[in-house]
């Protein structure tokens, strides 16, 4: 599993319980040397959390290679090591633990290097980092998951599959959403070894597959002298291929990203036949096909009406609506460096759909991608007001998955903390709904 570059890791920041009592909190540290070292060379770590906790280097306990030691025990050890590839788990005794939310955590790590003159020892490493303590709140009527799309472009660069799943589990989520051609190695025919690894990791981190992202590429053959649209039969074949793979991987929902013909995302007319050709297979596999309602398409729109019409006309239980919460954005996303007003689509300023509109389609909503762009240091979303959104979902009778879909700044590792913040925010709001 890969580690973050920082000394203080995001994963593993949590309160520690002994029975029903909270006895302290934990964080994880990455080795700051270029090699692993004997644990007897550790000179301790001081930890400060805002104005709540401030302990000296002799206080925290160290968990290395599965065993926990005091600092004095590390000094006397001969066979304990801190490997380069493993984080040290630091436990700070603190009765009652820390409150949920964002904390400013500061550490000073001291290591002794035998090949550096004594007058320059110990080697000291300091960092202050704002990090979210995941919530113990029940989260109201919803189930919580994360889309691995949240970690693009981290995935494949600073995160591998296991590290990404570990971060999903660490926020208290139990569901994971993927993109078929974004996260399945060897797509569309992954090896047996990859599939075995997938299920092993799901079991290790206690995760359930939720929604599988698929595409009906209606412009698949749109270039060159023989350019043409994809036929409904061909579209159905693409969808059915992914329905079968999604079932093999344990997913309950498949989101087909259907090619569009207008700027407000009206789908290619072949979508109806392509989906209807696939409903029997979806029923056989017990997988629900769920196209997304995505900005700039509002809820009150012909696209939604046509999807609902298909459900009512066929009576299917295996086609439903996926709501992308980006439609509720009511404040603009900041301009990127060098970007000028008017250079980008207007919907990035938000289309501000009224969450009360959910009441009209609630019975058809089967999945929610909790799209967001930026949550600040005060745990306030800068584009979406979550109180009316979650209240609207509850009032509409929805009690399914809220699957984080971060789509903000792609600076390395930023997505990890942003997902932590969103889960703390959503659980806090959901626990107080009427």
Protein backbone atom coordinates (compact mmCIF):
# COMPACT_ATOMS: atom_id res chain seq x y z
CA UNK A 1 0.00 0.00 0.00
CA UNK A 2 1.28 3.47 -0.90
CA UNK A 3 1.77 6.25 1.63
CA UNK A 4 1.17 9.98 1.35
CA UNK A 5 4.28 12.10 0.97
CA UNK A 6 3.58 14.00 4.19
CA UNK A 7 4.99 13.05 7.58
CA UNK A 8 1.41 13.08 8.94
CA UNK A 9 -0.83 10.70 7.04
CA UNK A 10 -4.54 11.39 6.50
CA UNK A 11 -5.57 7.78 6.88
CA UNK A 12 -5.72 6.52 10.46
CA UNK A 13 -6.60 9.77 12.24
CA UNK A 14 -9.24 8.54 14.66
CA UNK A 15 -10.33 8.24 18.26
CA UNK A 16 -9.40 5.05 20.11
CA UNK A 17 -11.89 3.09 22.17
CA UNK A 18 -11.42 0.58 24.96
CA UNK A 19 -14.81 -1.04 25.26
CA UNK A 20 -17.34 1.80 25.30
CA UNK A 21 -14.81 4.35 26.58
CA UNK A 22 -12.78 6.67 24.33
CA UNK A 23 -9.27 6.64 25.78
CA UNK A 24 -7.31 8.70 23.26
CA UNK A 25 -6.65 9.25 19.57
CA UNK A 26 -4.33 7.93 16.88
CA UNK A 27 -2.47 9.26 13.88
CA UNK A 28 0.00 7.70 11.47
CA UNK A 29 3.47 8.91 10.54
CA UNK A 30 5.60 8.17 7.53
CA UNK A 31 9.29 7.37 8.08
CA UNK A 32 11.26 10.50 7.14
CA UNK A 33 14.59 8.82 6.42
CA UNK A 34 15.48 7.28 3.07
CA UNK A 35 15.62 3.86 4.77
CA UNK A 36 13.89 1.93 7.50
CA UNK A 37 15.63 1.85 10.87
CA UNK A 38 15.82 0.10 14.21
CA UNK A 39 13.09 1.41 16.52
CA UNK A 40 15.67 1.97 19.29
CA UNK A 41 16.85 4.98 17.26
CA UNK A 42 13.49 6.74 17.68
CA UNK A 43 13.75 9.65 20.11
CA UNK A 44 10.04 10.22 20.42
CA UNK A 45 7.36 12.43 18.92
CA UNK A 46 5.58 15.39 20.48
CA UNK A 47 2.00 15.99 19.40
CA UNK A 48 -0.16 19.10 19.58
CA UNK A 49 -3.76 19.37 18.41
CA UNK A 50 -4.86 23.01 18.30
CA UNK A 51 -5.30 24.26 21.84
CA UNK A 52 -6.83 20.95 22.97
CA UNK A 53 -3.82 18.62 23.38
CA UNK A 54 -0.08 19.23 23.79
CA UNK A 55 2.09 16.28 24.87
CA UNK A 56 5.83 15.77 24.97
CA UNK A 57 7.83 13.14 23.06
CA UNK A 58 7.78 10.58 25.87
CA UNK A 59 3.96 10.37 26.09
CA UNK A 60 2.71 8.78 22.84
CA UNK A 61 2.70 5.02 22.34
CA UNK A 62 4.15 3.50 19.17
CA UNK A 63 2.65 0.62 17.17
CA UNK A 64 5.18 -0.93 14.81
CA UNK A 65 4.78 -4.21 12.92
CA UNK A 66 1.58 -4.98 14.83
CA UNK A 67 2.88 -4.48 18.40
CA UNK A 68 2.56 -1.47 20.70
CA UNK A 69 5.43 -0.02 22.75
CA UNK A 70 6.20 2.87 25.03
CA UNK A 71 9.17 5.02 24.05
CA UNK A 72 11.25 3.47 26.83
CA UNK A 73 10.48 0.00 25.49
CA UNK A 74 11.62 1.04 22.02
CA UNK A 75 14.94 2.28 23.40
CA UNK A 76 15.59 -1.12 24.99
CA UNK A 77 14.50 -3.18 21.96
CA UNK A 78 16.80 -5.12 19.65
CA UNK A 79 14.51 -6.59 16.98
CA UNK A 80 11.85 -3.91 16.47
CA UNK A 81 12.04 -1.91 13.26
CA UNK A 82 10.23 0.94 11.56
CA UNK A 83 10.20 -0.11 7.88
CA UNK A 84 10.23 2.55 5.19
CA UNK A 85 7.05 1.19 3.62
CA UNK A 86 4.96 1.04 6.83
CA UNK A 87 3.46 3.94 8.78
CA UNK A 88 4.01 4.12 12.51
CA UNK A 89 0.74 4.26 14.45
CA UNK A 90 0.96 6.88 17.20
CA UNK A 91 -1.51 6.66 20.08
CA UNK A 92 -1.95 9.69 22.34
CA UNK A 93 -3.73 8.94 25.62
CA UNK A 94 -6.51 11.53 26.01
CA UNK A 95 -9.66 10.70 27.95
CA UNK A 96 -12.79 11.34 25.90
CA UNK A 97 -10.84 11.75 22.65
CA UNK A 98 -11.11 14.57 20.13
CA UNK A 99 -14.36 16.05 18.80
CA UNK A 100 -15.26 15.19 15.20
CA UNK A 101 -14.32 17.77 12.58
CA UNK A 102 -11.18 19.47 11.28
CA UNK A 103 -8.15 19.73 13.56
CA UNK A 104 -4.78 21.41 13.22
CA UNK A 105 -2.33 18.64 14.10
CA UNK A 106 1.36 19.43 14.75
CA UNK A 107 4.10 16.89 15.36
CA UNK A 108 7.82 17.00 16.04
CA UNK A 109 9.49 13.67 15.28
CA UNK A 110 13.01 12.98 16.54
CA UNK A 111 15.30 10.29 15.11
CA UNK A 112 18.94 9.54 15.97
CA UNK A 113 21.30 8.87 13.07
CA UNK A 114 24.55 7.13 13.99
CA UNK A 115 26.45 8.53 11.02
CA UNK A 116 25.64 12.18 11.81
CA UNK A 117 27.81 13.98 14.45
CA UNK A 118 26.30 14.12 17.92
CA UNK A 119 26.14 17.90 17.96
CA UNK A 120 23.59 17.71 15.12
CA UNK A 121 21.40 15.09 16.76
CA UNK A 122 18.60 14.21 17.04
CA UNK A 123 17.39 14.80 13.49
CA UNK A 124 14.09 16.63 13.88
CA UNK A 125 11.11 16.62 11.49
CA UNK A 126 8.17 18.95 12.00
CA UNK A 127 4.83 19.28 10.28
CA UNK A 128 1.49 20.96 10.89
CA UNK A 129 -1.47 19.66 8.94
CA UNK A 130 -5.19 20.28 8.97
CA UNK A 131 -6.93 16.93 8.96
CA UNK A 132 -10.51 15.77 9.50
CA UNK A 133 -11.40 13.39 12.28
CA UNK A 134 -14.10 11.18 10.82
CA UNK A 135 -17.48 11.31 12.49
CA UNK A 136 -19.04 8.74 14.82
CA UNK A 137 -22.50 10.14 14.02
CA UNK A 138 -24.98 7.64 12.59
CA UNK A 139 -25.51 9.64 9.40
CA UNK A 140 -29.30 9.63 9.42
CA UNK A 141 -31.21 7.47 6.93
CA UNK A 142 -28.45 7.15 4.34
CA UNK A 143 -25.64 4.74 3.50
CA UNK A 144 -22.22 6.20 2.77
CA UNK A 145 -19.78 5.38 -0.01
CA UNK A 146 -17.05 6.89 -2.16
CA UNK A 147 -16.49 6.88 -5.89
CA UNK A 148 -12.87 6.15 -6.82
CA UNK A 149 -13.39 8.87 -9.45
CA UNK A 150 -12.85 11.21 -6.48
CA UNK A 151 -9.17 10.24 -6.53
CA UNK A 152 -8.48 10.96 -10.22
CA UNK A 153 -5.65 11.95 -11.03
CA UNK A 154 -4.18 10.47 -7.86
CA UNK A 155 -5.19 6.97 -8.96
CA UNK A 156 -2.31 5.30 -10.76
CA UNK A 157 0.16 8.00 -9.69
CA UNK A 158 0.15 8.38 -5.91
CA UNK A 159 -2.65 5.91 -5.12
CA UNK A 160 -3.01 2.28 -6.12
CA UNK A 161 -6.19 0.23 -5.78
CA UNK A 162 -5.52 -0.93 -2.23
CA UNK A 163 -4.53 2.53 -0.99
CA UNK A 164 -7.66 4.05 -2.52
CA UNK A 165 -9.89 1.42 -0.89
CA UNK A 166 -8.12 1.93 2.44
CA UNK A 167 -8.95 5.63 2.28
CA UNK A 168 -12.59 4.84 1.47
CA UNK A 169 -12.86 2.61 4.53
CA UNK A 170 -11.00 5.08 6.75
CA UNK A 171 -13.77 7.69 6.48
CA UNK A 172 -16.28 5.14 7.75
CA UNK A 173 -17.74 4.49 4.31
CA UNK A 174 -18.93 0.99 3.48
CA UNK A 175 -19.62 1.38 -0.25
CA UNK A 176 -17.27 1.82 -3.20
CA UNK A 177 -18.10 3.03 -6.69
CA UNK A 178 -15.76 2.60 -9.68
CA UNK A 179 -15.45 3.41 -13.36
CA UNK A 180 -15.13 0.20 -15.35
CA UNK A 181 -12.58 1.49 -17.83
CA UNK A 182 -10.93 3.69 -15.21
CA UNK A 183 -10.20 1.23 -12.43
CA UNK A 184 -10.43 -2.34 -13.74
CA UNK A 185 -7.02 -3.51 -14.94
CA UNK A 186 -7.31 -5.36 -18.24
CA UNK A 187 -10.82 -4.01 -18.94
CA UNK A 188 -13.05 -5.40 -20.37
CA UNK A 189 -11.51 -8.80 -19.62
CA UNK A 190 -9.72 -8.55 -16.26
CA UNK A 191 -7.62 -11.51 -15.24
CA UNK A 192 -8.79 -14.01 -12.68
CA UNK A 193 -5.92 -12.83 -10.50
CA UNK A 194 -7.15 -9.22 -10.63
CA UNK A 195 -10.70 -10.27 -9.75
CA UNK A 196 -9.44 -12.38 -6.84
CA UNK A 197 -7.42 -9.39 -5.60
CA UNK A 198 -10.49 -7.16 -5.93
CA UNK A 199 -12.59 -9.39 -3.68
CA UNK A 200 -9.73 -9.90 -1.23
CA UNK A 201 -9.39 -6.13 -0.81
CA UNK A 202 -13.14 -5.63 -0.47
CA UNK A 203 -13.15 -8.18 2.34
CA UNK A 204 -10.06 -6.69 3.99
CA UNK A 205 -11.57 -3.20 4.15
CA UNK A 206 -15.19 -4.20 4.73
CA UNK A 207 -16.48 -2.61 1.53
CA UNK A 208 -19.48 -3.33 -0.69
CA UNK A 209 -19.48 -2.63 -4.46
CA UNK A 210 -22.21 -0.10 -5.25
CA UNK A 211 -22.25 1.61 -8.65
CA UNK A 212 -20.24 0.69 -11.75
CA UNK A 213 -19.58 3.44 -14.33
CA UNK A 214 -20.12 2.40 -17.95
CA UNK A 215 -20.28 4.17 -21.32
CA UNK A 216 -22.45 3.91 -24.41
CA UNK A 217 -20.08 5.68 -26.83
CA UNK A 218 -22.52 6.79 -29.52
CA UNK A 219 -19.65 8.55 -31.35
CA UNK A 220 -17.50 5.44 -31.37
CA UNK A 221 -17.15 5.59 -35.18
CA UNK A 222 -17.68 9.33 -35.71
CA UNK A 223 -14.42 10.16 -37.54
CA UNK A 224 -13.17 9.54 -41.08
CA UNK A 225 -14.95 8.98 -44.40
CA UNK A 226 -17.02 6.11 -42.98
CA UNK A 227 -18.23 8.08 -39.95
CA UNK A 228 -21.58 6.98 -38.54
CA UNK A 229 -23.58 6.89 -35.34
CA UNK A 230 -23.58 3.84 -33.15
CA UNK A 231 -26.66 1.69 -33.68
CA UNK A 232 -29.00 0.76 -30.85
CA UNK A 233 -27.92 -2.87 -31.23
CA UNK A 234 -24.26 -1.87 -30.85
CA UNK A 235 -25.09 0.35 -27.87
CA UNK A 236 -26.93 -2.52 -26.22
CA UNK A 237 -23.89 -4.76 -26.74
CA UNK A 238 -21.63 -2.24 -24.94
CA UNK A 239 -24.08 -1.91 -22.07
CA UNK A 240 -24.61 -5.65 -21.75
CA UNK A 241 -20.87 -6.29 -21.73
CA UNK A 242 -20.56 -4.00 -18.72
CA UNK A 243 -23.65 -5.38 -17.01
CA UNK A 244 -22.02 -8.81 -17.04
CA UNK A 245 -18.67 -7.50 -15.78
CA UNK A 246 -20.35 -5.41 -13.09
CA UNK A 247 -22.17 -8.51 -11.84
CA UNK A 248 -18.91 -10.50 -11.77
CA UNK A 249 -17.42 -7.78 -9.57
CA UNK A 250 -20.40 -7.66 -7.20
CA UNK A 251 -22.05 -4.37 -8.22
CA UNK A 252 -25.77 -3.64 -7.84
CA UNK A 253 -25.98 -0.59 -10.12
CA UNK A 254 -24.57 0.31 -13.53
CA UNK A 255 -24.47 3.93 -14.65
CA UNK A 256 -24.36 4.11 -18.45
CA UNK A 257 -22.89 7.42 -19.62
CA UNK A 258 -24.96 7.83 -22.77
CA UNK A 259 -23.78 9.93 -25.71
CA UNK A 260 -25.60 13.28 -25.98
CA UNK A 261 -26.84 15.41 -28.89
CA UNK A 262 -27.52 18.77 -27.17
CA UNK A 263 -25.80 21.07 -24.70
CA UNK A 264 -28.39 20.25 -22.03
CA UNK A 265 -27.46 16.56 -22.33
CA UNK A 266 -30.39 15.14 -24.26
CA UNK A 267 -29.22 11.57 -25.00
CA UNK A 268 -28.80 10.10 -28.45
CA UNK A 269 -32.18 8.72 -29.62
CA UNK A 270 -30.78 5.19 -29.75
CA UNK A 271 -30.62 5.11 -25.94
CA UNK A 272 -34.20 3.89 -25.52
CA UNK A 273 -33.81 0.80 -27.70
CA UNK A 274 -30.31 0.08 -26.35
CA UNK A 275 -31.64 0.08 -22.79
CA UNK A 276 -34.81 -1.85 -23.56
CA UNK A 277 -32.76 -4.54 -25.31
CA UNK A 278 -30.79 -4.86 -22.05
CA UNK A 279 -33.59 -4.93 -19.46
CA UNK A 280 -34.06 -8.70 -19.53
CA UNK A 281 -30.34 -9.22 -18.89
CA UNK A 282 -30.38 -6.62 -16.11
CA UNK A 283 -33.27 -8.49 -14.50
CA UNK A 284 -31.49 -11.84 -14.89
CA UNK A 285 -28.35 -10.41 -13.25
CA UNK A 286 -30.36 -8.35 -10.73
CA UNK A 287 -28.45 -5.19 -11.63
CA UNK A 288 -30.17 -1.80 -11.94
CA UNK A 289 -29.35 0.43 -14.93
CA UNK A 290 -29.18 4.01 -13.66
CA UNK A 291 -28.40 6.91 -16.04
CA UNK A 292 -27.39 10.08 -14.23
CA UNK A 293 -29.20 13.39 -13.99
CA UNK A 294 -26.19 15.66 -14.32
CA UNK A 295 -25.75 19.41 -14.63
CA UNK A 296 -26.81 21.23 -16.81
CA UNK A 297 -29.89 18.97 -16.92
CA UNK A 298 -32.36 19.91 -14.15
CA UNK A 299 -34.92 17.55 -12.63
CA UNK A 300 -37.80 19.22 -14.47
CA UNK A 301 -36.61 18.35 -17.97
CA UNK A 302 -37.55 16.16 -20.92
CA UNK A 303 -34.58 13.87 -20.26
CA UNK A 304 -35.94 12.97 -16.84
CA UNK A 305 -39.47 12.69 -18.21
CA UNK A 306 -38.31 10.21 -20.86
CA UNK A 307 -36.46 8.08 -18.27
CA UNK A 308 -39.54 8.00 -16.04
CA UNK A 309 -41.71 7.15 -19.03
CA UNK A 310 -39.57 4.09 -19.78
CA UNK A 311 -39.97 2.88 -16.20
CA UNK A 312 -43.73 3.38 -16.21
CA UNK A 313 -44.22 1.92 -19.69
CA UNK A 314 -42.17 -1.24 -19.11
CA UNK A 315 -42.86 -1.72 -15.41
CA UNK A 316 -39.18 -2.59 -14.95
CA UNK A 317 -37.54 -2.75 -11.53
CA UNK A 318 -34.11 -2.64 -13.14
CA UNK A 319 -33.96 0.91 -14.47
CA UNK A 320 -33.88 4.00 -12.26
CA UNK A 321 -32.50 7.49 -11.84
CA UNK A 322 -29.08 8.41 -10.54
CA UNK A 323 -28.93 11.94 -9.09
CA UNK A 324 -25.64 13.83 -9.37
CA UNK A 325 -25.75 16.49 -6.63
CA UNK A 326 -23.88 18.91 -8.89
CA UNK A 327 -27.33 19.96 -10.11
CA UNK A 328 -27.88 21.63 -6.71
CA UNK A 329 -24.74 23.79 -7.02
CA UNK A 330 -25.80 27.42 -6.53
CA UNK A 331 -22.44 29.22 -6.38
CA UNK A 332 -19.69 29.27 -9.02
CA UNK A 333 -16.60 27.12 -9.10
CA UNK A 334 -13.56 29.44 -8.96
CA UNK A 335 -11.83 30.13 -12.25
CA UNK A 336 -8.71 28.08 -12.89
CA UNK A 337 -5.35 29.90 -13.22
CA UNK A 338 -5.40 31.76 -16.55
CA UNK A 339 -9.09 31.08 -17.14
CA UNK A 340 -11.21 34.12 -18.01
CA UNK A 341 -14.93 34.68 -17.45
CA UNK A 342 -16.97 33.45 -20.40
CA UNK A 343 -14.41 30.86 -21.49
CA UNK A 344 -16.16 27.94 -19.87
CA UNK A 345 -19.69 26.48 -19.86
CA UNK A 346 -22.16 28.58 -17.90
CA UNK A 347 -23.36 25.58 -15.86
CA UNK A 348 -20.06 25.60 -13.95
CA UNK A 349 -21.49 28.63 -12.16
CA UNK A 350 -24.28 26.35 -10.94
CA UNK A 351 -27.82 25.71 -12.15
CA UNK A 352 -29.29 25.83 -8.64
CA UNK A 353 -31.97 23.14 -8.87
CA UNK A 354 -34.40 23.31 -5.96
CA UNK A 355 -33.97 20.12 -3.88
CA UNK A 356 -37.73 20.17 -3.29
CA UNK A 357 -38.07 19.02 -6.91
CA UNK A 358 -36.87 15.59 -5.74
CA UNK A 359 -40.28 14.88 -4.27
CA UNK A 360 -41.73 14.39 -7.77
CA UNK A 361 -39.23 11.69 -8.76
CA UNK A 362 -38.27 10.20 -5.39
CA UNK A 363 -39.77 6.79 -6.12
CA UNK A 364 -37.49 6.42 -9.15
CA UNK A 365 -34.20 7.54 -7.56
CA UNK A 366 -31.96 4.53 -6.92
CA UNK A 367 -28.53 6.08 -6.36
CA UNK A 368 -26.95 9.43 -5.48
CA UNK A 369 -23.49 10.58 -6.49
CA UNK A 370 -22.63 13.23 -3.90
CA UNK A 371 -20.76 15.55 -6.27
CA UNK A 372 -18.77 18.38 -4.66
CA UNK A 373 -15.82 20.66 -5.44
CA UNK A 374 -14.47 22.32 -2.30
CA UNK A 375 -15.12 22.18 1.45
CA UNK A 376 -13.24 24.81 3.45
CA UNK A 377 -11.42 24.70 6.80
CA UNK A 378 -14.67 25.47 8.62
CA UNK A 379 -16.36 22.43 7.07
CA UNK A 380 -18.49 24.58 4.76
CA UNK A 381 -19.10 23.50 1.17
CA UNK A 382 -18.36 26.42 -1.14
CA UNK A 383 -20.80 25.44 -3.91
CA UNK A 384 -23.58 23.26 -2.45
CA UNK A 385 -25.88 23.73 0.54
CA UNK A 386 -26.18 20.23 1.97
CA UNK A 387 -28.96 20.84 4.48
CA UNK A 388 -31.72 21.33 1.86
CA UNK A 389 -30.23 18.67 -0.43
CA UNK A 390 -30.22 15.92 2.20
CA UNK A 391 -33.58 17.05 3.56
CA UNK A 392 -34.98 16.92 0.03
CA UNK A 393 -33.69 13.37 -0.43
CA UNK A 394 -35.14 12.26 2.89
CA UNK A 395 -38.50 13.91 2.15
CA UNK A 396 -38.55 12.11 -1.22
CA UNK A 397 -38.18 8.78 0.58
CA UNK A 398 -34.58 8.13 -0.43
CA UNK A 399 -32.51 6.08 2.03
CA UNK A 400 -29.81 4.66 -0.24
CA UNK A 401 -26.20 5.45 -0.98
CA UNK A 402 -24.54 8.87 -0.85
CA UNK A 403 -21.39 8.21 -2.86
CA UNK A 404 -18.77 10.97 -2.64
CA UNK A 405 -17.68 12.24 -6.04
CA UNK A 406 -14.98 14.88 -5.59
CA UNK A 407 -14.40 16.98 -8.70
CA UNK A 408 -12.31 19.85 -7.38
CA UNK A 409 -8.64 20.81 -7.56
CA UNK A 410 -6.57 17.79 -8.60
CA UNK A 411 -3.39 18.67 -6.66
CA UNK A 412 -1.87 15.38 -5.44
CA UNK A 413 -3.50 13.98 -2.30
CA UNK A 414 -5.94 16.90 -1.92
CA UNK A 415 -8.86 14.64 -2.78
CA UNK A 416 -8.18 12.48 0.28
CA UNK A 417 -8.75 15.28 2.78
CA UNK A 418 -11.66 16.70 0.80
CA UNK A 419 -13.49 13.34 0.88
CA UNK A 420 -12.88 13.15 4.64
CA UNK A 421 -14.39 16.60 5.03
CA UNK A 422 -17.44 15.78 2.97
CA UNK A 423 -18.22 12.66 4.97
CA UNK A 424 -17.93 14.56 8.24
CA UNK A 425 -20.17 17.30 6.82
CA UNK A 426 -22.82 14.99 5.35
CA UNK A 427 -23.07 12.86 8.50
CA UNK A 428 -23.35 15.95 10.68
CA UNK A 429 -26.14 17.36 8.52
CA UNK A 430 -27.96 14.05 8.05
CA UNK A 431 -27.98 13.28 11.77
CA UNK A 432 -29.98 16.49 12.37
CA UNK A 433 -32.60 16.16 9.64
CA UNK A 434 -36.24 16.61 10.56
